[in-house]
mmCIF file of all heavy atoms, coordinates in Angstrom:
data_MODEL
# 
_entry.id   MODEL 
# 
loop_
_atom_site.group_PDB 
_atom_site.id 
_atom_site.type_symbol 
_atom_site.label_atom_id 
_atom_site.label_alt_id 
_atom_site.label_comp_id 
_atom_site.label_asym_id 
_atom_site.label_entity_id 
_atom_site.label_seq_id 
_atom_site.pdbx_PDB_ins_code 
_atom_site.Cartn_x 
_atom_site.Cartn_y 
_atom_site.Cartn_z 
_atom_site.occupancy 
_atom_site.B_iso_or_equiv 
_atom_site.pdbx_formal_charge 
_atom_site.auth_seq_id 
_atom_site.auth_comp_id 
_atom_site.auth_asym_id 
_atom_site.auth_atom_id 
_atom_site.pdbx_PDB_model_num 
ATOM 1   N N   . GLY A 1 1  ? 11.591  -2.559  15.476 1.00 0.00 ? 1  GLY A N   1 
ATOM 2   C CA  . GLY A 1 1  ? 12.365  -3.210  16.526 1.00 0.00 ? 1  GLY A CA  1 
ATOM 3   C C   . GLY A 1 1  ? 13.482  -2.328  17.052 1.00 0.00 ? 1  GLY A C   1 
ATOM 4   O O   . GLY A 1 1  ? 13.809  -2.367  18.244 1.00 0.00 ? 1  GLY A O   1 
ATOM 5   N N   . ALA A 1 2  ? 14.068  -1.518  16.185 1.00 0.00 ? 2  ALA A N   1 
ATOM 6   C CA  . ALA A 1 2  ? 15.201  -0.679  16.576 1.00 0.00 ? 2  ALA A CA  1 
ATOM 7   C C   . ALA A 1 2  ? 14.844  0.306   17.671 1.00 0.00 ? 2  ALA A C   1 
ATOM 8   O O   . ALA A 1 2  ? 15.711  0.752   18.430 1.00 0.00 ? 2  ALA A O   1 
ATOM 9   C CB  . ALA A 1 2  ? 15.737  0.067   15.360 1.00 0.00 ? 2  ALA A CB  1 
ATOM 10  N N   . TYR A 1 3  ? 13.561  0.651   17.782 1.00 0.00 ? 3  TYR A N   1 
ATOM 11  C CA  . TYR A 1 3  ? 13.135  1.622   18.796 1.00 0.00 ? 3  TYR A CA  1 
ATOM 12  C C   . TYR A 1 3  ? 12.480  0.958   20.006 1.00 0.00 ? 3  TYR A C   1 
ATOM 13  O O   . TYR A 1 3  ? 11.913  1.654   20.849 1.00 0.00 ? 3  TYR A O   1 
ATOM 14  C CB  . TYR A 1 3  ? 12.206  2.663   18.162 1.00 0.00 ? 3  TYR A CB  1 
ATOM 15  C CG  . TYR A 1 3  ? 12.970  3.594   17.254 1.00 0.00 ? 3  TYR A CG  1 
ATOM 16  C CD1 . TYR A 1 3  ? 13.127  3.303   15.904 1.00 0.00 ? 3  TYR A CD1 1 
ATOM 17  C CD2 . TYR A 1 3  ? 13.585  4.737   17.752 1.00 0.00 ? 3  TYR A CD2 1 
ATOM 18  C CE1 . TYR A 1 3  ? 13.862  4.135   15.072 1.00 0.00 ? 3  TYR A CE1 1 
ATOM 19  C CE2 . TYR A 1 3  ? 14.319  5.575   16.923 1.00 0.00 ? 3  TYR A CE2 1 
ATOM 20  C CZ  . TYR A 1 3  ? 14.455  5.270   15.595 1.00 0.00 ? 3  TYR A CZ  1 
ATOM 21  O OH  . TYR A 1 3  ? 15.189  6.092   14.779 1.00 0.00 ? 3  TYR A OH  1 
ATOM 22  N N   . GLY A 1 4  ? 12.578  -0.389  20.072 1.00 0.00 ? 4  GLY A N   1 
ATOM 23  C CA  . GLY A 1 4  ? 12.178  -1.029  21.318 1.00 0.00 ? 4  GLY A CA  1 
ATOM 24  C C   . GLY A 1 4  ? 11.197  -2.166  21.250 1.00 0.00 ? 4  GLY A C   1 
ATOM 25  O O   . GLY A 1 4  ? 10.960  -2.831  22.255 1.00 0.00 ? 4  GLY A O   1 
ATOM 26  N N   . ALA A 1 5  ? 10.598  -2.426  20.095 1.00 0.00 ? 5  ALA A N   1 
ATOM 27  C CA  . ALA A 1 5  ? 9.623   -3.522  20.017 1.00 0.00 ? 5  ALA A CA  1 
ATOM 28  C C   . ALA A 1 5  ? 10.315  -4.874  20.129 1.00 0.00 ? 5  ALA A C   1 
ATOM 29  O O   . ALA A 1 5  ? 11.331  -5.118  19.487 1.00 0.00 ? 5  ALA A O   1 
ATOM 30  C CB  . ALA A 1 5  ? 8.834   -3.448  18.713 1.00 0.00 ? 5  ALA A CB  1 
ATOM 31  N N   . ASP A 1 6  ? 9.763   -5.747  20.971 1.00 0.00 ? 6  ASP A N   1 
ATOM 32  C CA  . ASP A 1 6  ? 10.292  -7.110  21.087 1.00 0.00 ? 6  ASP A CA  1 
ATOM 33  C C   . ASP A 1 6  ? 9.937   -7.934  19.857 1.00 0.00 ? 6  ASP A C   1 
ATOM 34  O O   . ASP A 1 6  ? 10.722  -8.771  19.411 1.00 0.00 ? 6  ASP A O   1 
ATOM 35  C CB  . ASP A 1 6  ? 9.717   -7.794  22.332 1.00 0.00 ? 6  ASP A CB  1 
ATOM 36  C CG  . ASP A 1 6  ? 10.135  -7.089  23.610 1.00 0.00 ? 6  ASP A CG  1 
ATOM 37  O OD1 . ASP A 1 6  ? 11.350  -6.948  23.830 1.00 0.00 ? 6  ASP A OD1 1 
ATOM 38  O OD2 . ASP A 1 6  ? 9.250   -6.668  24.372 1.00 0.00 ? 6  ASP A OD2 1 
ATOM 39  N N   . LYS A 1 7  ? 8.738   -7.686  19.339 1.00 0.00 ? 7  LYS A N   1 
ATOM 40  C CA  . LYS A 1 7  ? 8.314   -8.406  18.144 1.00 0.00 ? 7  LYS A CA  1 
ATOM 41  C C   . LYS A 1 7  ? 7.375   -7.540  17.313 1.00 0.00 ? 7  LYS A C   1 
ATOM 42  O O   . LYS A 1 7  ? 6.824   -6.544  17.806 1.00 0.00 ? 7  LYS A O   1 
ATOM 43  C CB  . LYS A 1 7  ? 7.645   -9.732  18.494 1.00 0.00 ? 7  LYS A CB  1 
ATOM 44  C CG  . LYS A 1 7  ? 6.255   -9.617  19.096 1.00 0.00 ? 7  LYS A CG  1 
ATOM 45  C CD  . LYS A 1 7  ? 5.676   -11.027 19.318 1.00 0.00 ? 7  LYS A CD  1 
ATOM 46  C CE  . LYS A 1 7  ? 4.284   -10.957 19.947 1.00 0.00 ? 7  LYS A CE  1 
ATOM 47  N NZ  . LYS A 1 7  ? 3.733   -12.304 20.218 1.00 0.00 ? 7  LYS A NZ  1 
ATOM 48  N N   . VAL A 1 8  ? 7.222   -7.923  16.070 1.00 0.00 ? 8  VAL A N   1 
ATOM 49  C CA  . VAL A 1 8  ? 6.291   -7.257  15.163 1.00 0.00 ? 8  VAL A CA  1 
ATOM 50  C C   . VAL A 1 8  ? 5.291   -8.291  14.686 1.00 0.00 ? 8  VAL A C   1 
ATOM 51  O O   . VAL A 1 8  ? 5.676   -9.344  14.158 1.00 0.00 ? 8  VAL A O   1 
ATOM 52  C CB  . VAL A 1 8  ? 7.021   -6.631  13.966 1.00 0.00 ? 8  VAL A CB  1 
ATOM 53  C CG1 . VAL A 1 8  ? 6.014   -6.119  12.932 1.00 0.00 ? 8  VAL A CG1 1 
ATOM 54  C CG2 . VAL A 1 8  ? 7.924   -5.489  14.421 1.00 0.00 ? 8  VAL A CG2 1 
ATOM 55  N N   . ILE A 1 9  ? 4.012   -8.012  14.935 1.00 0.00 ? 9  ILE A N   1 
ATOM 56  C CA  . ILE A 1 9  ? 2.944   -8.877  14.436 1.00 0.00 ? 9  ILE A CA  1 
ATOM 57  C C   . ILE A 1 9  ? 2.598   -8.378  13.043 1.00 0.00 ? 9  ILE A C   1 
ATOM 58  O O   . ILE A 1 9  ? 2.050   -7.286  12.872 1.00 0.00 ? 9  ILE A O   1 
ATOM 59  C CB  . ILE A 1 9  ? 1.721   -8.828  15.370 1.00 0.00 ? 9  ILE A CB  1 
ATOM 60  C CG1 . ILE A 1 9  ? 2.113   -9.305  16.775 1.00 0.00 ? 9  ILE A CG1 1 
ATOM 61  C CG2 . ILE A 1 9  ? 0.587   -9.676  14.810 1.00 0.00 ? 9  ILE A CG2 1 
ATOM 62  C CD1 . ILE A 1 9  ? 1.036   -9.088  17.816 1.00 0.00 ? 9  ILE A CD1 1 
ATOM 63  N N   . LEU A 1 10 ? 2.950   -9.159  12.033 1.00 0.00 ? 10 LEU A N   1 
ATOM 64  C CA  . LEU A 1 10 ? 2.845   -8.733  10.639 1.00 0.00 ? 10 LEU A CA  1 
ATOM 65  C C   . LEU A 1 10 ? 1.567   -9.262  10.005 1.00 0.00 ? 10 LEU A C   1 
ATOM 66  O O   . LEU A 1 10 ? 1.342   -10.471 9.944  1.00 0.00 ? 10 LEU A O   1 
ATOM 67  C CB  . LEU A 1 10 ? 4.069   -9.241  9.862  1.00 0.00 ? 10 LEU A CB  1 
ATOM 68  C CG  . LEU A 1 10 ? 4.089   -8.945  8.360  1.00 0.00 ? 10 LEU A CG  1 
ATOM 69  C CD1 . LEU A 1 10 ? 4.171   -7.451  8.101  1.00 0.00 ? 10 LEU A CD1 1 
ATOM 70  C CD2 . LEU A 1 10 ? 5.264   -9.668  7.696  1.00 0.00 ? 10 LEU A CD2 1 
ATOM 71  N N   . CYS A 1 11 ? 0.747   -8.344  9.554  1.00 0.00 ? 11 CYS A N   1 
ATOM 72  C CA  . CYS A 1 11 ? -0.479  -8.686  8.831  1.00 0.00 ? 11 CYS A CA  1 
ATOM 73  C C   . CYS A 1 11 ? -0.290  -8.212  7.391  1.00 0.00 ? 11 CYS A C   1 
ATOM 74  O O   . CYS A 1 11 ? -0.511  -7.035  7.081  1.00 0.00 ? 11 CYS A O   1 
ATOM 75  C CB  . CYS A 1 11 ? -1.689  -8.011  9.462  1.00 0.00 ? 11 CYS A CB  1 
ATOM 76  S SG  . CYS A 1 11 ? -1.878  -8.363  11.225 1.00 0.00 ? 11 CYS A SG  1 
ATOM 77  N N   . ASP A 1 12 ? 0.166   -9.113  6.527  1.00 0.00 ? 12 ASP A N   1 
ATOM 78  C CA  . ASP A 1 12 ? 0.571   -8.745  5.173  1.00 0.00 ? 12 ASP A CA  1 
ATOM 79  C C   . ASP A 1 12 ? -0.406  -9.350  4.172  1.00 0.00 ? 12 ASP A C   1 
ATOM 80  O O   . ASP A 1 12 ? -0.543  -10.572 4.083  1.00 0.00 ? 12 ASP A O   1 
ATOM 81  C CB  . ASP A 1 12 ? 1.989   -9.249  4.915  1.00 0.00 ? 12 ASP A CB  1 
ATOM 82  C CG  . ASP A 1 12 ? 2.686   -8.460  3.823  1.00 0.00 ? 12 ASP A CG  1 
ATOM 83  O OD1 . ASP A 1 12 ? 2.141   -8.367  2.708  1.00 0.00 ? 12 ASP A OD1 1 
ATOM 84  O OD2 . ASP A 1 12 ? 3.777   -7.908  4.095  1.00 0.00 ? 12 ASP A OD2 1 
ATOM 85  N N   . ASP A 1 13 ? -1.086  -8.472  3.429  1.00 0.00 ? 13 ASP A N   1 
ATOM 86  C CA  . ASP A 1 13 ? -2.103  -8.953  2.496  1.00 0.00 ? 13 ASP A CA  1 
ATOM 87  C C   . ASP A 1 13 ? -2.399  -7.849  1.482  1.00 0.00 ? 13 ASP A C   1 
ATOM 88  O O   . ASP A 1 13 ? -2.405  -6.664  1.848  1.00 0.00 ? 13 ASP A O   1 
ATOM 89  C CB  . ASP A 1 13 ? -3.383  -9.321  3.258  1.00 0.00 ? 13 ASP A CB  1 
ATOM 90  C CG  . ASP A 1 13 ? -4.389  -10.042 2.379  1.00 0.00 ? 13 ASP A CG  1 
ATOM 91  O OD1 . ASP A 1 13 ? -4.301  -11.272 2.266  1.00 0.00 ? 13 ASP A OD1 1 
ATOM 92  O OD2 . ASP A 1 13 ? -5.266  -9.359  1.812  1.00 0.00 ? 13 ASP A OD2 1 
ATOM 93  N N   . PRO A 1 14 ? -2.653  -8.196  0.227  1.00 0.00 ? 14 PRO A N   1 
ATOM 94  C CA  . PRO A 1 14 ? -2.968  -7.171  -0.776 1.00 0.00 ? 14 PRO A CA  1 
ATOM 95  C C   . PRO A 1 14 ? -4.169  -6.298  -0.405 1.00 0.00 ? 14 PRO A C   1 
ATOM 96  O O   . PRO A 1 14 ? -4.227  -5.127  -0.790 1.00 0.00 ? 14 PRO A O   1 
ATOM 97  C CB  . PRO A 1 14 ? -3.264  -7.999  -2.037 1.00 0.00 ? 14 PRO A CB  1 
ATOM 98  C CG  . PRO A 1 14 ? -2.465  -9.245  -1.858 1.00 0.00 ? 14 PRO A CG  1 
ATOM 99  C CD  . PRO A 1 14 ? -2.509  -9.533  -0.385 1.00 0.00 ? 14 PRO A CD  1 
ATOM 100 N N   . SER A 1 15 ? -5.105  -6.847  0.355  1.00 0.00 ? 15 SER A N   1 
ATOM 101 C CA  . SER A 1 15 ? -6.287  -6.063  0.742  1.00 0.00 ? 15 SER A CA  1 
ATOM 102 C C   . SER A 1 15 ? -5.949  -4.945  1.714  1.00 0.00 ? 15 SER A C   1 
ATOM 103 O O   . SER A 1 15 ? -6.762  -4.053  1.964  1.00 0.00 ? 15 SER A O   1 
ATOM 104 C CB  . SER A 1 15 ? -7.346  -6.974  1.363  1.00 0.00 ? 15 SER A CB  1 
ATOM 105 O OG  . SER A 1 15 ? -6.893  -7.508  2.599  1.00 0.00 ? 15 SER A OG  1 
ATOM 106 N N   . LEU A 1 16 ? -4.720  -4.994  2.275  1.00 0.00 ? 16 LEU A N   1 
ATOM 107 C CA  . LEU A 1 16 ? -4.307  -3.996  3.262  1.00 0.00 ? 16 LEU A CA  1 
ATOM 108 C C   . LEU A 1 16 ? -3.317  -2.990  2.683  1.00 0.00 ? 16 LEU A C   1 
ATOM 109 O O   . LEU A 1 16 ? -2.745  -2.182  3.422  1.00 0.00 ? 16 LEU A O   1 
ATOM 110 C CB  . LEU A 1 16 ? -3.679  -4.685  4.475  1.00 0.00 ? 16 LEU A CB  1 
ATOM 111 C CG  . LEU A 1 16 ? -4.541  -5.727  5.176  1.00 0.00 ? 16 LEU A CG  1 
ATOM 112 C CD1 . LEU A 1 16 ? -3.754  -6.407  6.289  1.00 0.00 ? 16 LEU A CD1 1 
ATOM 113 C CD2 . LEU A 1 16 ? -5.814  -5.100  5.727  1.00 0.00 ? 16 LEU A CD2 1 
ATOM 114 N N   . LYS A 1 17 ? -3.124  -3.019  1.367  1.00 0.00 ? 17 LYS A N   1 
ATOM 115 C CA  . LYS A 1 17 ? -2.143  -2.121  0.749  1.00 0.00 ? 17 LYS A CA  1 
ATOM 116 C C   . LYS A 1 17 ? -2.496  -0.663  1.032  1.00 0.00 ? 17 LYS A C   1 
ATOM 117 O O   . LYS A 1 17 ? -1.647  0.142   1.422  1.00 0.00 ? 17 LYS A O   1 
ATOM 118 C CB  . LYS A 1 17 ? -2.089  -2.369  -0.759 1.00 0.00 ? 17 LYS A CB  1 
ATOM 119 C CG  . LYS A 1 17 ? -1.102  -1.453  -1.470 1.00 0.00 ? 17 LYS A CG  1 
ATOM 120 C CD  . LYS A 1 17 ? -1.042  -1.736  -2.960 1.00 0.00 ? 17 LYS A CD  1 
ATOM 121 C CE  . LYS A 1 17 ? -0.056  -0.802  -3.644 1.00 0.00 ? 17 LYS A CE  1 
ATOM 122 N NZ  . LYS A 1 17 ? 0.020   -1.040  -5.105 1.00 0.00 ? 17 LYS A NZ  1 
ATOM 123 N N   . ASP A 1 18 ? -3.749  -0.307  0.815  1.00 0.00 ? 18 ASP A N   1 
ATOM 124 C CA  . ASP A 1 18 ? -4.229  1.056   1.099  1.00 0.00 ? 18 ASP A CA  1 
ATOM 125 C C   . ASP A 1 18 ? -5.204  0.996   2.262  1.00 0.00 ? 18 ASP A C   1 
ATOM 126 O O   . ASP A 1 18 ? -5.982  0.049   2.395  1.00 0.00 ? 18 ASP A O   1 
ATOM 127 C CB  . ASP A 1 18 ? -4.925  1.650   -0.131 1.00 0.00 ? 18 ASP A CB  1 
ATOM 128 C CG  . ASP A 1 18 ? -3.991  1.758   -1.328 1.00 0.00 ? 18 ASP A CG  1 
ATOM 129 O OD1 . ASP A 1 18 ? -2.871  2.280   -1.146 1.00 0.00 ? 18 ASP A OD1 1 
ATOM 130 O OD2 . ASP A 1 18 ? -4.387  1.322   -2.426 1.00 0.00 ? 18 ASP A OD2 1 
ATOM 131 N N   . TYR A 1 19 ? -5.170  2.008   3.099  1.00 0.00 ? 19 TYR A N   1 
ATOM 132 C CA  . TYR A 1 19 ? -6.018  2.005   4.288  1.00 0.00 ? 19 TYR A CA  1 
ATOM 133 C C   . TYR A 1 19 ? -7.490  2.112   3.937  1.00 0.00 ? 19 TYR A C   1 
ATOM 134 O O   . TYR A 1 19 ? -7.912  2.978   3.172  1.00 0.00 ? 19 TYR A O   1 
ATOM 135 C CB  . TYR A 1 19 ? -5.646  3.179   5.209  1.00 0.00 ? 19 TYR A CB  1 
ATOM 136 C CG  . TYR A 1 19 ? -6.611  3.319   6.365  1.00 0.00 ? 19 TYR A CG  1 
ATOM 137 C CD1 . TYR A 1 19 ? -6.518  2.462   7.462  1.00 0.00 ? 19 TYR A CD1 1 
ATOM 138 C CD2 . TYR A 1 19 ? -7.629  4.268   6.358  1.00 0.00 ? 19 TYR A CD2 1 
ATOM 139 C CE1 . TYR A 1 19 ? -7.411  2.554   8.511  1.00 0.00 ? 19 TYR A CE1 1 
ATOM 140 C CE2 . TYR A 1 19 ? -8.524  4.374   7.407  1.00 0.00 ? 19 TYR A CE2 1 
ATOM 141 C CZ  . TYR A 1 19 ? -8.409  3.512   8.483  1.00 0.00 ? 19 TYR A CZ  1 
ATOM 142 O OH  . TYR A 1 19 ? -9.297  3.611   9.525  1.00 0.00 ? 19 TYR A OH  1 
ATOM 143 N N   . THR A 1 20 ? -8.263  1.196   4.500  1.00 0.00 ? 20 THR A N   1 
ATOM 144 C CA  . THR A 1 20 ? -9.723  1.317   4.524  1.00 0.00 ? 20 THR A CA  1 
ATOM 145 C C   . THR A 1 20 ? -10.175 0.955   5.929  1.00 0.00 ? 20 THR A C   1 
ATOM 146 O O   . THR A 1 20 ? -9.621  0.050   6.552  1.00 0.00 ? 20 THR A O   1 
ATOM 147 C CB  . THR A 1 20 ? -10.424 0.383   3.507  1.00 0.00 ? 20 THR A CB  1 
ATOM 148 O OG1 . THR A 1 20 ? -10.087 -0.971  3.786  1.00 0.00 ? 20 THR A OG1 1 
ATOM 149 C CG2 . THR A 1 20 ? -10.028 0.731   2.081  1.00 0.00 ? 20 THR A CG2 1 
ATOM 150 N N   . THR A 1 21 ? -11.179 1.631   6.412  1.00 0.00 ? 21 THR A N   1 
ATOM 151 C CA  . THR A 1 21 ? -11.616 1.438   7.798  1.00 0.00 ? 21 THR A CA  1 
ATOM 152 C C   . THR A 1 21 ? -12.062 0.005   8.055  1.00 0.00 ? 21 THR A C   1 
ATOM 153 O O   . THR A 1 21 ? -11.683 -0.602  9.061  1.00 0.00 ? 21 THR A O   1 
ATOM 154 C CB  . THR A 1 21 ? -12.771 2.404   8.132  1.00 0.00 ? 21 THR A CB  1 
ATOM 155 O OG1 . THR A 1 21 ? -12.384 3.725   7.782  1.00 0.00 ? 21 THR A OG1 1 
ATOM 156 C CG2 . THR A 1 21 ? -13.100 2.353   9.609  1.00 0.00 ? 21 THR A CG2 1 
ATOM 157 N N   . ASP A 1 22 ? -12.870 -0.555  7.141  1.00 0.00 ? 22 ASP A N   1 
ATOM 158 C CA  . ASP A 1 22 ? -13.427 -1.878  7.425  1.00 0.00 ? 22 ASP A CA  1 
ATOM 159 C C   . ASP A 1 22 ? -12.357 -2.969  7.414  1.00 0.00 ? 22 ASP A C   1 
ATOM 160 O O   . ASP A 1 22 ? -12.330 -3.834  8.292  1.00 0.00 ? 22 ASP A O   1 
ATOM 161 C CB  . ASP A 1 22 ? -14.572 -2.223  6.455  1.00 0.00 ? 22 ASP A CB  1 
ATOM 162 C CG  . ASP A 1 22 ? -14.223 -2.051  4.990  1.00 0.00 ? 22 ASP A CG  1 
ATOM 163 O OD1 . ASP A 1 22 ? -13.194 -1.417  4.697  1.00 0.00 ? 22 ASP A OD1 1 
ATOM 164 O OD2 . ASP A 1 22 ? -14.987 -2.552  4.131  1.00 0.00 ? 22 ASP A OD2 1 
ATOM 165 N N   . ALA A 1 23 ? -11.419 -2.927  6.458  1.00 0.00 ? 23 ALA A N   1 
ATOM 166 C CA  . ALA A 1 23 ? -10.392 -3.962  6.398  1.00 0.00 ? 23 ALA A CA  1 
ATOM 167 C C   . ALA A 1 23 ? -9.453  -3.884  7.599  1.00 0.00 ? 23 ALA A C   1 
ATOM 168 O O   . ALA A 1 23 ? -9.169  -4.896  8.258  1.00 0.00 ? 23 ALA A O   1 
ATOM 169 C CB  . ALA A 1 23 ? -9.591  -3.823  5.101  1.00 0.00 ? 23 ALA A CB  1 
ATOM 170 N N   . TYR A 1 24 ? -8.960  -2.687  7.904  1.00 0.00 ? 24 TYR A N   1 
ATOM 171 C CA  . TYR A 1 24 ? -8.013  -2.537  9.003  1.00 0.00 ? 24 TYR A CA  1 
ATOM 172 C C   . TYR A 1 24 ? -8.677  -2.832  10.347 1.00 0.00 ? 24 TYR A C   1 
ATOM 173 O O   . TYR A 1 24 ? -8.079  -3.469  11.219 1.00 0.00 ? 24 TYR A O   1 
ATOM 174 C CB  . TYR A 1 24 ? -7.411  -1.127  8.997  1.00 0.00 ? 24 TYR A CB  1 
ATOM 175 C CG  . TYR A 1 24 ? -6.175  -0.996  8.140  1.00 0.00 ? 24 TYR A CG  1 
ATOM 176 C CD1 . TYR A 1 24 ? -6.194  -1.351  6.790  1.00 0.00 ? 24 TYR A CD1 1 
ATOM 177 C CD2 . TYR A 1 24 ? -4.983  -0.530  8.665  1.00 0.00 ? 24 TYR A CD2 1 
ATOM 178 C CE1 . TYR A 1 24 ? -5.072  -1.228  5.994  1.00 0.00 ? 24 TYR A CE1 1 
ATOM 179 C CE2 . TYR A 1 24 ? -3.838  -0.401  7.879  1.00 0.00 ? 24 TYR A CE2 1 
ATOM 180 C CZ  . TYR A 1 24 ? -3.896  -0.757  6.539  1.00 0.00 ? 24 TYR A CZ  1 
ATOM 181 O OH  . TYR A 1 24 ? -2.765  -0.638  5.756  1.00 0.00 ? 24 TYR A OH  1 
ATOM 182 N N   . ALA A 1 25 ? -9.919  -2.374  10.530 1.00 0.00 ? 25 ALA A N   1 
ATOM 183 C CA  . ALA A 1 25 ? -10.614 -2.634  11.790 1.00 0.00 ? 25 ALA A CA  1 
ATOM 184 C C   . ALA A 1 25 ? -10.862 -4.125  11.981 1.00 0.00 ? 25 ALA A C   1 
ATOM 185 O O   . ALA A 1 25 ? -10.705 -4.652  13.088 1.00 0.00 ? 25 ALA A O   1 
ATOM 186 C CB  . ALA A 1 25 ? -11.938 -1.865  11.830 1.00 0.00 ? 25 ALA A CB  1 
ATOM 187 N N   . ASP A 1 26 ? -11.231 -4.828  10.906 1.00 0.00 ? 26 ASP A N   1 
ATOM 188 C CA  . ASP A 1 26 ? -11.444 -6.281  10.989 1.00 0.00 ? 26 ASP A CA  1 
ATOM 189 C C   . ASP A 1 26 ? -10.188 -6.993  11.460 1.00 0.00 ? 26 ASP A C   1 
ATOM 190 O O   . ASP A 1 26 ? -10.211 -7.815  12.381 1.00 0.00 ? 26 ASP A O   1 
ATOM 191 C CB  . ASP A 1 26 ? -11.856 -6.825  9.614  1.00 0.00 ? 26 ASP A CB  1 
ATOM 192 C CG  . ASP A 1 26 ? -13.357 -6.835  9.420  1.00 0.00 ? 26 ASP A CG  1 
ATOM 193 O OD1 . ASP A 1 26 ? -14.069 -6.430  10.363 1.00 0.00 ? 26 ASP A OD1 1 
ATOM 194 O OD2 . ASP A 1 26 ? -13.809 -7.232  8.334  1.00 0.00 ? 26 ASP A OD2 1 
ATOM 195 N N   . VAL A 1 27 ? -9.071  -6.693  10.809 1.00 0.00 ? 27 VAL A N   1 
ATOM 196 C CA  . VAL A 1 27 ? -7.819  -7.385  11.111 1.00 0.00 ? 27 VAL A CA  1 
ATOM 197 C C   . VAL A 1 27 ? -7.354  -7.076  12.529 1.00 0.00 ? 27 VAL A C   1 
ATOM 198 O O   . VAL A 1 27 ? -6.961  -7.975  13.291 1.00 0.00 ? 27 VAL A O   1 
ATOM 199 C CB  . VAL A 1 27 ? -6.729  -6.998  10.089 1.00 0.00 ? 27 VAL A CB  1 
ATOM 200 C CG1 . VAL A 1 27 ? -5.375  -7.558  10.513 1.00 0.00 ? 27 VAL A CG1 1 
ATOM 201 C CG2 . VAL A 1 27 ? -7.102  -7.521  8.703  1.00 0.00 ? 27 VAL A CG2 1 
# 
C-alpha cells in the first residue's frame, strides 16, 4: 500500500507457502 496500492487482495493458505505452478495458477 505504501507504494500506491488502494487495496491488497490477500490469498493466505498453507498450500501457498512455497511457490508451485499449479497452486498459484489456480488461485
